[in-house]
C-alpha atoms as a PDB file:
ATOM      1  CA  UNK A   1      21.215 -10.886  31.802  1.00  0.00           C
ATOM      2  CA  UNK A   2      20.571 -11.856  28.165  1.00  0.00           C
ATOM      3  CA  UNK A   3      21.151  -9.067  25.623  1.00  0.00           C
ATOM      4  CA  UNK A   4      18.113  -9.429  23.365  1.00  0.00           C
ATOM      5  CA  UNK A   5      19.175  -6.509  21.209  1.00  0.00           C
ATOM      6  CA  UNK A   6      22.393  -8.205  20.131  1.00  0.00           C
ATOM      7  CA  UNK A   7      21.913 -11.965  20.162  1.00  0.00           C
ATOM      8  CA  UNK A   8      24.608 -14.634  20.000  1.00  0.00           C
ATOM      9  CA  UNK A   9      22.861 -18.010  20.051  1.00  0.00           C
ATOM     10  CA  UNK A  10      24.737 -21.240  19.323  1.00  0.00           C
ATOM     11  CA  UNK A  11      24.031 -22.957  15.988  1.00  0.00           C
ATOM     12  CA  UNK A  12      22.130 -25.850  17.612  1.00  0.00           C
ATOM     13  CA  UNK A  13      19.646 -23.406  19.201  1.00  0.00           C
ATOM     14  CA  UNK A  14      19.176 -21.553  15.930  1.00  0.00           C
ATOM     15  CA  UNK A  15      18.648 -24.825  14.064  1.00  0.00           C
ATOM     16  CA  UNK A  16      15.938 -25.759  16.586  1.00  0.00           C
ATOM     17  CA  UNK A  17      13.879 -22.718  15.564  1.00  0.00           C
ATOM     18  CA  UNK A  18      11.294 -23.375  12.873  1.00  0.00           C
ATOM     19  CA  UNK A  19      11.687 -21.927   9.386  1.00  0.00           C
ATOM     20  CA  UNK A  20       8.837 -19.533  10.007  1.00  0.00           C
ATOM     21  CA  UNK A  21      10.269 -18.656  13.419  1.00  0.00           C
ATOM     22  CA  UNK A  22      13.499 -17.561  11.735  1.00  0.00           C
ATOM     23  CA  UNK A  23      11.476 -15.594   9.186  1.00  0.00           C
ATOM     24  CA  UNK A  24       9.495 -13.992  12.040  1.00  0.00           C
ATOM     25  CA  UNK A  25      12.608 -12.512  13.652  1.00  0.00           C
ATOM     26  CA  UNK A  26      14.163 -11.760  10.257  1.00  0.00           C
ATOM     27  CA  UNK A  27      11.097  -9.753   9.238  1.00  0.00           C
ATOM     28  CA  UNK A  28      11.702  -7.437  12.173  1.00  0.00           C
ATOM     29  CA  UNK A  29      15.437  -7.224  11.479  1.00  0.00           C
ATOM     30  CA  UNK A  30      14.878  -6.397   7.801  1.00  0.00           C
ATOM     31  CA  UNK A  31      12.261  -3.750   8.597  1.00  0.00           C
ATOM     32  CA  UNK A  32      14.546  -2.128  11.177  1.00  0.00           C
ATOM     33  CA  UNK A  33      17.354  -2.060   8.597  1.00  0.00           C
ATOM     34  CA  UNK A  34      15.049  -0.370   6.067  1.00  0.00           C
ATOM     35  CA  UNK A  35      13.800   2.170   8.607  1.00  0.00           C
ATOM     36  CA  UNK A  36      17.346   2.930   9.781  1.00  0.00           C
ATOM     37  CA  UNK A  37      18.581   3.222   6.200  1.00  0.00           C
ATOM     38  CA  UNK A  38      15.826   5.666   5.252  1.00  0.00           C
ATOM     39  CA  UNK A  39      16.415   7.843   8.319  1.00  0.00           C
ATOM     40  CA  UNK A  40      20.155   7.849   7.611  1.00  0.00           C
ATOM     41  CA  UNK A  41      19.381   9.000   4.052  1.00  0.00           C
ATOM     42  CA  UNK A  42      17.800  12.126   5.527  1.00  0.00           C
ATOM     43  CA  UNK A  43      14.134  11.304   5.105  1.00  0.00           C
ATOM     44  CA  UNK A  44      12.316  13.028   7.954  1.00  0.00           C
ATOM     45  CA  UNK A  45       8.649  13.218   7.013  1.00  0.00           C
ATOM     46  CA  UNK A  46       6.896  10.371   8.811  1.00  0.00           C
ATOM     47  CA  UNK A  47       4.438   9.730   5.966  1.00  0.00           C
ATOM     48  CA  UNK A  48       7.296   9.542   3.465  1.00  0.00           C
ATOM     49  CA  UNK A  49       9.265   7.268   5.806  1.00  0.00           C
ATOM     50  CA  UNK A  50       6.269   4.967   6.148  1.00  0.00           C
ATOM     51  CA  UNK A  51       5.591   4.793   2.404  1.00  0.00           C
ATOM     52  CA  UNK A  52       9.235   4.131   1.552  1.00  0.00           C
ATOM     53  CA  UNK A  53       9.555   1.516   4.283  1.00  0.00           C
ATOM     54  CA  UNK A  54       6.454  -0.315   3.064  1.00  0.00           C
ATOM     55  CA  UNK A  55       7.807  -0.203  -0.493  1.00  0.00           C
ATOM     56  CA  UNK A  56      11.050  -1.840   0.669  1.00  0.00           C
ATOM     57  CA  UNK A  57       9.560  -4.514   2.938  1.00  0.00           C
ATOM     58  CA  UNK A  58       6.675  -5.771   0.805  1.00  0.00           C
ATOM     59  CA  UNK A  59       7.137  -9.296  -0.529  1.00  0.00           C
ATOM     60  CA  UNK A  60       7.838  -8.427  -4.208  1.00  0.00           C
ATOM     61  CA  UNK A  61      10.571  -5.969  -3.156  1.00  0.00           C
ATOM     62  CA  UNK A  62      12.075  -8.482  -0.723  1.00  0.00           C
ATOM     63  CA  UNK A  63      12.023 -11.158  -3.430  1.00  0.00           C
ATOM     64  CA  UNK A  64      13.954  -8.876  -5.796  1.00  0.00           C
ATOM     65  CA  UNK A  65      16.327  -8.008  -2.945  1.00  0.00           C
ATOM     66  CA  UNK A  66      16.933 -11.730  -2.341  1.00  0.00           C
ATOM     67  CA  UNK A  67      17.667 -12.320  -6.028  1.00  0.00           C
ATOM     68  CA  UNK A  68      20.359  -9.624  -5.929  1.00  0.00           C
ATOM     69  CA  UNK A  69      21.954 -11.268  -2.859  1.00  0.00           C
ATOM     70  CA  UNK A  70      21.978 -14.905  -3.937  1.00  0.00           C
ATOM     71  CA  UNK A  71      25.324 -14.804  -5.804  1.00  0.00           C
ATOM     72  CA  UNK A  72      27.021 -13.353  -2.702  1.00  0.00           C
ATOM     73  CA  UNK A  73      25.761 -15.891  -0.164  1.00  0.00           C
ATOM     74  CA  UNK A  74      27.980 -18.531   1.395  1.00  0.00           C
ATOM     75  CA  UNK A  75      26.817 -22.160   1.074  1.00  0.00           C
ATOM     76  CA  UNK A  76      25.584 -22.106   4.686  1.00  0.00           C
ATOM     77  CA  UNK A  77      23.697 -18.838   4.121  1.00  0.00           C
ATOM     78  CA  UNK A  78      22.156 -20.298   0.974  1.00  0.00           C
ATOM     79  CA  UNK A  79      20.957 -23.271   3.024  1.00  0.00           C
ATOM     80  CA  UNK A  80      19.161 -20.977   5.495  1.00  0.00           C
ATOM     81  CA  UNK A  81      17.682 -18.945   2.636  1.00  0.00           C
ATOM     82  CA  UNK A  82      16.440 -22.160   0.998  1.00  0.00           C
ATOM     83  CA  UNK A  83      15.116 -23.420   4.327  1.00  0.00           C
ATOM     84  CA  UNK A  84      12.982 -20.277   4.694  1.00  0.00           C
ATOM     85  CA  UNK A  85      11.999 -20.249   1.034  1.00  0.00           C
ATOM     86  CA  UNK A  86      10.669 -23.797   1.331  1.00  0.00           C
ATOM     87  CA  UNK A  87       8.679 -23.112   4.506  1.00  0.00           C
ATOM     88  CA  UNK A  88       5.041 -24.063   4.260  1.00  0.00           C
ATOM     89  CA  UNK A  89       3.062 -20.853   4.597  1.00  0.00           C
ATOM     90  CA  UNK A  90      -0.707 -20.883   4.844  1.00  0.00           C
ATOM     91  CA  UNK A  91      -1.479 -17.600   3.097  1.00  0.00           C
ATOM     92  CA  UNK A  92       0.135 -15.269   0.589  1.00  0.00           C
ATOM     93  CA  UNK A  93      -0.467 -11.488   0.727  1.00  0.00           C
ATOM     94  CA  UNK A  94      -2.668 -10.041  -1.999  1.00  0.00           C
ATOM     95  CA  UNK A  95       0.124  -8.052  -3.655  1.00  0.00           C
ATOM     96  CA  UNK A  96       2.529 -10.978  -4.070  1.00  0.00           C
ATOM     97  CA  UNK A  97       2.785 -14.202  -6.012  1.00  0.00           C
ATOM     98  CA  UNK A  98       3.524 -17.433  -4.120  1.00  0.00           C
ATOM     99  CA  UNK A  99       7.039 -17.440  -5.639  1.00  0.00           C
ATOM    100  CA  UNK A 100       7.709 -13.875  -4.479  1.00  0.00           C
ATOM    101  CA  UNK A 101       6.413 -14.641  -1.009  1.00  0.00           C
ATOM    102  CA  UNK A 102       8.601 -17.744  -0.796  1.00  0.00           C
ATOM    103  CA  UNK A 103      11.701 -15.735  -1.744  1.00  0.00           C
ATOM    104  CA  UNK A 104      10.776 -13.016   0.751  1.00  0.00           C
ATOM    105  CA  UNK A 105      10.351 -15.637   3.488  1.00  0.00           C
ATOM    106  CA  UNK A 106      13.760 -17.069   2.557  1.00  0.00           C
ATOM    107  CA  UNK A 107      15.344 -13.632   2.855  1.00  0.00           C
ATOM    108  CA  UNK A 108      13.716 -13.074   6.235  1.00  0.00           C
ATOM    109  CA  UNK A 109      14.854 -16.493   7.500  1.00  0.00           C
ATOM    110  CA  UNK A 110      18.421 -15.712   6.421  1.00  0.00           C
ATOM    111  CA  UNK A 111      18.413 -12.328   8.169  1.00  0.00           C
ATOM    112  CA  UNK A 112      16.821 -13.916  11.231  1.00  0.00           C
ATOM    113  CA  UNK A 113      19.526 -16.558  11.395  1.00  0.00           C
ATOM    114  CA  UNK A 114      22.319 -14.007  10.995  1.00  0.00           C
ATOM    115  CA  UNK A 115      20.806 -11.791  13.683  1.00  0.00           C
ATOM    116  CA  UNK A 116      20.381 -14.627  16.170  1.00  0.00           C
ATOM    117  CA  UNK A 117      23.960 -15.709  15.510  1.00  0.00           C
ATOM    118  CA  UNK A 118      25.200 -12.172  16.238  1.00  0.00           C
ATOM    119  CA  UNK A 119      26.557 -11.583  12.730  1.00  0.00           C
ATOM    120  CA  UNK A 120      25.575  -7.927  12.512  1.00  0.00           C
ATOM    121  CA  UNK A 121      28.477  -6.996  10.253  1.00  0.00           C
ATOM    122  CA  UNK A 122      27.404  -9.635   7.720  1.00  0.00           C
ATOM    123  CA  UNK A 123      23.796  -8.422   7.914  1.00  0.00           C
ATOM    124  CA  UNK A 124      24.945  -4.897   7.081  1.00  0.00           C
ATOM    125  CA  UNK A 125      27.147  -6.175   4.261  1.00  0.00           C
ATOM    126  CA  UNK A 126      24.286  -8.141   2.691  1.00  0.00           C
ATOM    127  CA  UNK A 127      21.841  -5.291   3.169  1.00  0.00           C
ATOM    128  CA  UNK A 128      24.173  -2.913   1.323  1.00  0.00           C
ATOM    129  CA  UNK A 129      24.659  -5.474  -1.471  1.00  0.00           C
ATOM    130  CA  UNK A 130      20.905  -5.866  -1.904  1.00  0.00           C
ATOM    131  CA  UNK A 131      20.088  -2.187  -2.264  1.00  0.00           C
ATOM    132  CA  UNK A 132      19.278  -1.029  -5.778  1.00  0.00           C
ATOM    133  CA  UNK A 133      21.064   1.914  -7.346  1.00  0.00           C
ATOM    134  CA  UNK A 134      17.869   3.946  -6.910  1.00  0.00           C
ATOM    135  CA  UNK A 135      17.742   3.190  -3.196  1.00  0.00           C
ATOM    136  CA  UNK A 136      21.460   3.951  -2.829  1.00  0.00           C
ATOM    137  CA  UNK A 137      20.856   7.331  -4.451  1.00  0.00           C
ATOM    138  CA  UNK A 138      17.935   8.063  -2.143  1.00  0.00           C
ATOM    139  CA  UNK A 139      15.227   7.919  -4.811  1.00  0.00           C
END
């Protein structure tokens, strides 16, 4: 039986997934990381959890997160980020610029690729690197 919670696809299968397909799975991975992080920080009020999660996963925040990660990416990770960033999207959310949305899509594609490859430790490492000092301090 396939373990869909902890994937381990070969590179050729991951490369066959479209840029936006990688971003689709990465969006879910990134949101789960944010939700888990906030719960682990002791936030218990569901309204507060929702507001903080939305603040972390919106495109401008993801774009800034991606900028903080770029220097730490391997060349292969940078390629997947760039692949997602250059995906042709048909609409941009109201609260984001096209550049921010492209960076956010790149981040999601990277996290999607790492998840599908089973590199959970690397995902956690990058997530920790991308957090701001304010987020690390629970603000």
